[in-house]
Amino acid sequence: MKNTKRCPVCGSGDIIRVPDNAHRYLANSICITRFATVKRIPVARYVCHDCGYLENWVENQHDRDEIARAWG
């Protein structure tokens, strides 16, 4: 949905991007722990307005690299 701007389930083009703030309490983020510090990687959500299908995306390449180092 992020790239095609279409829902893969129902074909709708009415897609809503819900950004995340990694510093918000209970954020929809991925935690990366490095020693005594915790870093949160933001996860943007794309929601189909018509059927409710949802996709999560880590949009920043640097953030994806950090996830790979921590969890890969």
PDB file of N, CA and C in Angstrom:
ATOM      1  N   MET A   1       0.820  -1.194   0.000  1.00  0.00           N
ATOM      2  CA  MET A   1       0.000   0.000   0.000  1.00  0.00           C
ATOM      3  C   MET A   1       0.863   1.256   0.000  1.00  0.00           C
ATOM      4  N   LYS A   2       1.998   1.186   0.697  1.00  0.00           N
ATOM      5  CA  LYS A   2       2.879   2.353   0.758  1.00  0.00           C
ATOM      6  C   LYS A   2       3.338   2.747  -0.640  1.00  0.00           C
ATOM      7  N   ASN A   3       3.711   1.775  -1.437  1.00  0.00           N
ATOM      8  CA  ASN A   3       4.271   2.059  -2.759  1.00  0.00           C
ATOM      9  C   ASN A   3       3.203   2.146  -3.853  1.00  0.00           C
ATOM     10  N   THR A   4       2.206   1.304  -3.789  1.00  0.00           N
ATOM     11  CA  THR A   4       1.204   1.246  -4.860  1.00  0.00           C
ATOM     12  C   THR A   4       0.060   2.220  -4.656  1.00  0.00           C
ATOM     13  N   LYS A   5      -0.129   2.687  -3.418  1.00  0.00           N
ATOM     14  CA  LYS A   5      -1.253   3.572  -3.059  1.00  0.00           C
ATOM     15  C   LYS A   5      -2.596   2.878  -3.272  1.00  0.00           C
ATOM     16  N   ARG A   6      -2.580   1.555  -3.291  1.00  0.00           N
ATOM     17  CA  ARG A   6      -3.790   0.734  -3.440  1.00  0.00           C
ATOM     18  C   ARG A   6      -3.792  -0.361  -2.403  1.00  0.00           C
ATOM     19  N   CYS A   7      -4.965  -0.696  -1.909  1.00  0.00           N
ATOM     20  CA  CYS A   7      -5.114  -1.785  -0.953  1.00  0.00           C
ATOM     21  C   CYS A   7      -5.006  -3.121  -1.694  1.00  0.00           C
ATOM     22  N   PRO A   8      -4.146  -4.039  -1.221  1.00  0.00           N
ATOM     23  CA  PRO A   8      -4.027  -5.332  -1.897  1.00  0.00           C
ATOM     24  C   PRO A   8      -5.226  -6.248  -1.640  1.00  0.00           C
ATOM     25  N   VAL A   9      -6.060  -5.918  -0.675  1.00  0.00           N
ATOM     26  CA  VAL A   9      -7.215  -6.752  -0.342  1.00  0.00           C
ATOM     27  C   VAL A   9      -8.439  -6.358  -1.158  1.00  0.00           C
ATOM     28  N   CYS A  10      -8.784  -5.048  -1.135  1.00  0.00           N
ATOM     29  CA  CYS A  10     -10.022  -4.628  -1.800  1.00  0.00           C
ATOM     30  C   CYS A  10      -9.799  -3.728  -3.018  1.00  0.00           C
ATOM     31  N   GLY A  11      -8.562  -3.290  -3.248  1.00  0.00           N
ATOM     32  CA  GLY A  11      -8.255  -2.470  -4.409  1.00  0.00           C
ATOM     33  C   GLY A  11      -8.526  -0.985  -4.238  1.00  0.00           C
ATOM     34  N   SER A  12      -8.975  -0.574  -3.065  1.00  0.00           N
ATOM     35  CA  SER A  12      -9.289   0.834  -2.819  1.00  0.00           C
ATOM     36  C   SER A  12      -8.030   1.694  -2.891  1.00  0.00           C
ATOM     37  N   GLY A  13      -8.198   2.936  -3.308  1.00  0.00           N
ATOM     38  CA  GLY A  13      -7.113   3.910  -3.314  1.00  0.00           C
ATOM     39  C   GLY A  13      -7.208   4.869  -2.147  1.00  0.00           C
ATOM     40  N   ASP A  14      -8.130   4.615  -1.233  1.00  0.00           N
ATOM     41  CA  ASP A  14      -8.332   5.494  -0.072  1.00  0.00           C
ATOM     42  C   ASP A  14      -7.479   4.978   1.083  1.00  0.00           C
ATOM     43  N   ILE A  15      -6.195   5.337   1.041  1.00  0.00           N
ATOM     44  CA  ILE A  15      -5.205   4.843   1.999  1.00  0.00           C
ATOM     45  C   ILE A  15      -4.822   5.983   2.943  1.00  0.00           C
ATOM     46  N   ILE A  16      -4.771   5.680   4.226  1.00  0.00           N
ATOM     47  CA  ILE A  16      -4.423   6.665   5.244  1.00  0.00           C
ATOM     48  C   ILE A  16      -3.068   6.289   5.831  1.00  0.00           C
ATOM     49  N   ARG A  17      -2.136   7.233   5.842  1.00  0.00           N
ATOM     50  CA  ARG A  17      -0.827   7.016   6.473  1.00  0.00           C
ATOM     51  C   ARG A  17      -0.889   7.568   7.892  1.00  0.00           C
ATOM     52  N   VAL A  18      -0.582   6.713   8.869  1.00  0.00           N
ATOM     53  CA  VAL A  18      -0.568   7.118  10.270  1.00  0.00           C
ATOM     54  C   VAL A  18       0.885   7.114  10.718  1.00  0.00           C
ATOM     55  N   PRO A  19       1.498   8.302  10.865  1.00  0.00           N
ATOM     56  CA  PRO A  19       2.899   8.339  11.272  1.00  0.00           C
ATOM     57  C   PRO A  19       3.039   7.962  12.740  1.00  0.00           C
ATOM     58  N   ASP A  20       4.238   7.604  13.132  1.00  0.00           N
ATOM     59  CA  ASP A  20       4.506   7.285  14.523  1.00  0.00           C
ATOM     60  C   ASP A  20       5.559   8.235  15.059  1.00  0.00           C
ATOM     61  N   ASN A  21       5.476   8.494  16.337  1.00  0.00           N
ATOM     62  CA  ASN A  21       6.475   9.261  17.046  1.00  0.00           C
ATOM     63  C   ASN A  21       7.136   8.293  18.016  1.00  0.00           C
ATOM     64  N   ALA A  22       8.370   7.952  17.784  1.00  0.00           N
ATOM     65  CA  ALA A  22       9.052   6.936  18.589  1.00  0.00           C
ATOM     66  C   ALA A  22       9.236   7.357  20.038  1.00  0.00           C
ATOM     67  N   HIS A  23       9.047   8.624  20.344  1.00  0.00           N
ATOM     68  CA  HIS A  23       9.227   9.111  21.715  1.00  0.00           C
ATOM     69  C   HIS A  23       7.909   9.150  22.483  1.00  0.00           C
ATOM     70  N   ARG A  24       6.821   8.867  21.816  1.00  0.00           N
ATOM     71  CA  ARG A  24       5.505   8.863  22.464  1.00  0.00           C
ATOM     72  C   ARG A  24       5.372   7.606  23.316  1.00  0.00           C
ATOM     73  N   TYR A  25       4.742   7.743  24.470  1.00  0.00           N
ATOM     74  CA  TYR A  25       4.522   6.597  25.353  1.00  0.00           C
ATOM     75  C   TYR A  25       3.658   5.569  24.635  1.00  0.00           C
ATOM     76  N   LEU A  26       4.035   4.304  24.721  1.00  0.00           N
ATOM     77  CA  LEU A  26       3.333   3.207  24.066  1.00  0.00           C
ATOM     78  C   LEU A  26       3.249   3.382  22.547  1.00  0.00           C
ATOM     79  N   ALA A  27       4.292   3.927  21.988  1.00  0.00           N
ATOM     80  CA  ALA A  27       4.334   4.125  20.542  1.00  0.00           C
ATOM     81  C   ALA A  27       4.352   2.773  19.826  1.00  0.00           C
ATOM     82  N   ASN A  28       3.868   2.773  18.601  1.00  0.00           N
ATOM     83  CA  ASN A  28       3.939   1.588  17.748  1.00  0.00           C
ATOM     84  C   ASN A  28       5.346   1.569  17.150  1.00  0.00           C
ATOM     85  N   SER A  29       6.323   1.171  17.962  1.00  0.00           N
ATOM     86  CA  SER A  29       7.709   1.242  17.534  1.00  0.00           C
ATOM     87  C   SER A  29       8.429  -0.052  17.873  1.00  0.00           C
ATOM     88  N   ILE A  30       9.634  -0.176  17.352  1.00  0.00           N
ATOM     89  CA  ILE A  30      10.485  -1.328  17.629  1.00  0.00           C
ATOM     90  C   ILE A  30      11.592  -0.858  18.563  1.00  0.00           C
ATOM     91  N   CYS A  31      11.755  -1.539  19.682  1.00  0.00           N
ATOM     92  CA  CYS A  31      12.777  -1.164  20.663  1.00  0.00           C
ATOM     93  C   CYS A  31      14.105  -1.820  20.319  1.00  0.00           C
ATOM     94  N   ILE A  32      15.143  -1.013  20.359  1.00  0.00           N
ATOM     95  CA  ILE A  32      16.507  -1.479  20.166  1.00  0.00           C
ATOM     96  C   ILE A  32      17.244  -1.143  21.463  1.00  0.00           C
ATOM     97  N   THR A  33      17.781  -2.139  22.128  1.00  0.00           N
ATOM     98  CA  THR A  33      18.492  -1.908  23.381  1.00  0.00           C
ATOM     99  C   THR A  33      19.985  -1.987  23.137  1.00  0.00           C
ATOM    100  N   ARG A  34      20.648  -0.929  23.481  1.00  0.00           N
ATOM    101  CA  ARG A  34      22.113  -0.866  23.391  1.00  0.00           C
ATOM    102  C   ARG A  34      22.635  -0.525  24.784  1.00  0.00           C
ATOM    103  N   PHE A  35      23.184  -1.519  25.445  1.00  0.00           N
ATOM    104  CA  PHE A  35      23.722  -1.343  26.792  1.00  0.00           C
ATOM    105  C   PHE A  35      22.615  -0.824  27.709  1.00  0.00           C
ATOM    106  N   ALA A  36      22.746   0.376  28.279  1.00  0.00           N
ATOM    107  CA  ALA A  36      21.753   0.883  29.225  1.00  0.00           C
ATOM    108  C   ALA A  36      20.714   1.790  28.565  1.00  0.00           C
ATOM    109  N   THR A  37      20.849   2.026  27.289  1.00  0.00           N
ATOM    110  CA  THR A  37      19.921   2.922  26.613  1.00  0.00           C
ATOM    111  C   THR A  37      18.945   2.134  25.742  1.00  0.00           C
ATOM    112  N   VAL A  38      17.797   2.717  25.542  1.00  0.00           N
ATOM    113  CA  VAL A  38      16.787   2.113  24.677  1.00  0.00           C
ATOM    114  C   VAL A  38      16.477   3.103  23.568  1.00  0.00           C
ATOM    115  N   LYS A  39      16.551   2.634  22.345  1.00  0.00           N
ATOM    116  CA  LYS A  39      16.173   3.455  21.200  1.00  0.00           C
ATOM    117  C   LYS A  39      14.918   2.858  20.592  1.00  0.00           C
ATOM    118  N   ARG A  40      14.008   3.704  20.190  1.00  0.00           N
ATOM    119  CA  ARG A  40      12.780   3.250  19.560  1.00  0.00           C
ATOM    120  C   ARG A  40      12.798   3.635  18.085  1.00  0.00           C
ATOM    121  N   ILE A  41      12.517   2.663  17.249  1.00  0.00           N
ATOM    122  CA  ILE A  41      12.451   2.886  15.804  1.00  0.00           C
ATOM    123  C   ILE A  41      10.977   3.092  15.455  1.00  0.00           C
ATOM    124  N   PRO A  42      10.625   4.222  14.837  1.00  0.00           N
ATOM    125  CA  PRO A  42       9.223   4.462  14.511  1.00  0.00           C
ATOM    126  C   PRO A  42       8.713   3.544  13.401  1.00  0.00           C
ATOM    127  N   VAL A  43       7.444   3.176  13.509  1.00  0.00           N
ATOM    128  CA  VAL A  43       6.785   2.320  12.522  1.00  0.00           C
ATOM    129  C   VAL A  43       5.553   3.065  12.009  1.00  0.00           C
ATOM    130  N   ALA A  44       5.561   3.409  10.726  1.00  0.00           N
ATOM    131  CA  ALA A  44       4.407   4.074  10.113  1.00  0.00           C
ATOM    132  C   ALA A  44       3.376   3.015   9.746  1.00  0.00           C
ATOM    133  N   ARG A  45       2.111   3.363   9.883  1.00  0.00           N
ATOM    134  CA  ARG A  45       1.038   2.438   9.525  1.00  0.00           C
ATOM    135  C   ARG A  45       0.270   2.987   8.332  1.00  0.00           C
ATOM    136  N   TYR A  46      -0.090   2.086   7.453  1.00  0.00           N
ATOM    137  CA  TYR A  46      -0.919   2.419   6.293  1.00  0.00           C
ATOM    138  C   TYR A  46      -2.208   1.634   6.437  1.00  0.00           C
ATOM    139  N   VAL A  47      -3.329   2.355   6.462  1.00  0.00           N
ATOM    140  CA  VAL A  47      -4.630   1.740   6.718  1.00  0.00           C
ATOM    141  C   VAL A  47      -5.542   1.990   5.525  1.00  0.00           C
ATOM    142  N   CYS A  48      -6.215   0.955   5.069  1.00  0.00           N
ATOM    143  CA  CYS A  48      -7.219   1.102   4.030  1.00  0.00           C
ATOM    144  C   CYS A  48      -8.501   1.596   4.688  1.00  0.00           C
ATOM    145  N   HIS A  49      -8.972   2.734   4.232  1.00  0.00           N
ATOM    146  CA  HIS A  49     -10.187   3.318   4.790  1.00  0.00           C
ATOM    147  C   HIS A  49     -11.413   2.466   4.506  1.00  0.00           C
ATOM    148  N   ASP A  50     -11.419   1.759   3.394  1.00  0.00           N
ATOM    149  CA  ASP A  50     -12.604   0.997   2.999  1.00  0.00           C
ATOM    150  C   ASP A  50     -12.739  -0.350   3.706  1.00  0.00           C
ATOM    151  N   CYS A  51     -11.641  -1.120   3.807  1.00  0.00           N
ATOM    152  CA  CYS A  51     -11.776  -2.459   4.400  1.00  0.00           C
ATOM    153  C   CYS A  51     -11.036  -2.624   5.723  1.00  0.00           C
ATOM    154  N   GLY A  52     -10.148  -1.685   6.064  1.00  0.00           N
ATOM    155  CA  GLY A  52      -9.446  -1.750   7.337  1.00  0.00           C
ATOM    156  C   GLY A  52      -8.133  -2.514   7.312  1.00  0.00           C
ATOM    157  N   TYR A  53      -7.740  -3.007   6.146  1.00  0.00           N
ATOM    158  CA  TYR A  53      -6.459  -3.702   6.051  1.00  0.00           C
ATOM    159  C   TYR A  53      -5.348  -2.764   6.503  1.00  0.00           C
ATOM    160  N   LEU A  54      -4.335  -3.316   7.188  1.00  0.00           N
ATOM    161  CA  LEU A  54      -3.278  -2.509   7.779  1.00  0.00           C
ATOM    162  C   LEU A  54      -1.911  -3.076   7.427  1.00  0.00           C
ATOM    163  N   GLU A  55      -0.977  -2.183   7.063  1.00  0.00           N
ATOM    164  CA  GLU A  55       0.426  -2.558   6.875  1.00  0.00           C
ATOM    165  C   GLU A  55       1.292  -1.669   7.750  1.00  0.00           C
ATOM    166  N   ASN A  56       2.349  -2.244   8.307  1.00  0.00           N
ATOM    167  CA  ASN A  56       3.335  -1.499   9.088  1.00  0.00           C
ATOM    168  C   ASN A  56       4.611  -1.393   8.278  1.00  0.00           C
ATOM    169  N   TRP A  57       5.233  -0.195   8.308  1.00  0.00           N
ATOM    170  CA  TRP A  57       6.461   0.024   7.551  1.00  0.00           C
ATOM    171  C   TRP A  57       7.480   0.785   8.393  1.00  0.00           C
ATOM    172  N   VAL A  58       8.727   0.314   8.377  1.00  0.00           N
ATOM    173  CA  VAL A  58       9.849   1.105   8.872  1.00  0.00           C
ATOM    174  C   VAL A  58      10.393   1.793   7.629  1.00  0.00           C
ATOM    175  N   GLU A  59      10.181   3.080   7.521  1.00  0.00           N
ATOM    176  CA  GLU A  59      10.410   3.792   6.263  1.00  0.00           C
ATOM    177  C   GLU A  59      11.855   4.240   6.042  1.00  0.00           C
ATOM    178  N   ASN A  60      12.641   4.343   7.089  1.00  0.00           N
ATOM    179  CA  ASN A  60      13.988   4.878   6.991  1.00  0.00           C
ATOM    180  C   ASN A  60      15.010   3.745   6.886  1.00  0.00           C
ATOM    181  N   GLN A  61      15.867   3.797   5.874  1.00  0.00           N
ATOM    182  CA  GLN A  61      16.874   2.746   5.665  1.00  0.00           C
ATOM    183  C   GLN A  61      17.819   2.623   6.853  1.00  0.00           C
ATOM    184  N   HIS A  62      18.243   3.737   7.421  1.00  0.00           N
ATOM    185  CA  HIS A  62      19.134   3.711   8.584  1.00  0.00           C
ATOM    186  C   HIS A  62      18.484   2.965   9.746  1.00  0.00           C
ATOM    187  N   ASP A  63      17.188   3.208   9.962  1.00  0.00           N
ATOM    188  CA  ASP A  63      16.462   2.505  11.021  1.00  0.00           C
ATOM    189  C   ASP A  63      16.400   1.005  10.740  1.00  0.00           C
ATOM    190  N   ARG A  64      16.179   0.629   9.496  1.00  0.00           N
ATOM    191  CA  ARG A  64      16.157  -0.801   9.140  1.00  0.00           C
ATOM    192  C   ARG A  64      17.523  -1.446   9.364  1.00  0.00           C
ATOM    193  N   ASP A  65      18.590  -0.697   9.089  1.00  0.00           N
ATOM    194  CA  ASP A  65      19.941  -1.206   9.335  1.00  0.00           C
ATOM    195  C   ASP A  65      20.158  -1.440  10.828  1.00  0.00           C
ATOM    196  N   GLU A  66      19.677  -0.526  11.657  1.00  0.00           N
ATOM    197  CA  GLU A  66      19.814  -0.691  13.109  1.00  0.00           C
ATOM    198  C   GLU A  66      19.038  -1.911  13.603  1.00  0.00           C
ATOM    199  N   ILE A  67      17.852  -2.143  13.051  1.00  0.00           N
ATOM    200  CA  ILE A  67      17.072  -3.326  13.409  1.00  0.00           C
ATOM    201  C   ILE A  67      17.839  -4.590  13.042  1.00  0.00           C
ATOM    202  N   ALA A  68      18.436  -4.596  11.866  1.00  0.00           N
ATOM    203  CA  ALA A  68      19.202  -5.758  11.414  1.00  0.00           C
ATOM    204  C   ALA A  68      20.403  -6.018  12.336  1.00  0.00           C
ATOM    205  N   ARG A  69      21.067  -4.955  12.761  1.00  0.00           N
ATOM    206  CA  ARG A  69      22.210  -5.127  13.674  1.00  0.00           C
ATOM    207  C   ARG A  69      21.755  -5.665  15.032  1.00  0.00           C
ATOM    208  N   ALA A  70      20.629  -5.182  15.515  1.00  0.00           N
ATOM    209  CA  ALA A  70      20.154  -5.579  16.842  1.00  0.00           C
ATOM    210  C   ALA A  70      19.472  -6.935  16.850  1.00  0.00           C
ATOM    211  N   TRP A  71      18.698  -7.231  15.810  1.00  0.00           N
ATOM    212  CA  TRP A  71      17.871  -8.433  15.817  1.00  0.00           C
ATOM    213  C   TRP A  71      18.231  -9.446  14.742  1.00  0.00           C
ATOM    214  N   GLY A  72      19.056  -9.046  13.779  1.00  0.00           N
ATOM    215  CA  GLY A  72      19.369  -9.944  12.676  1.00  0.00           C
ATOM    216  C   GLY A  72      20.385 -10.933  13.049  1.00  0.00           C
TER     217      GLY A  72
END
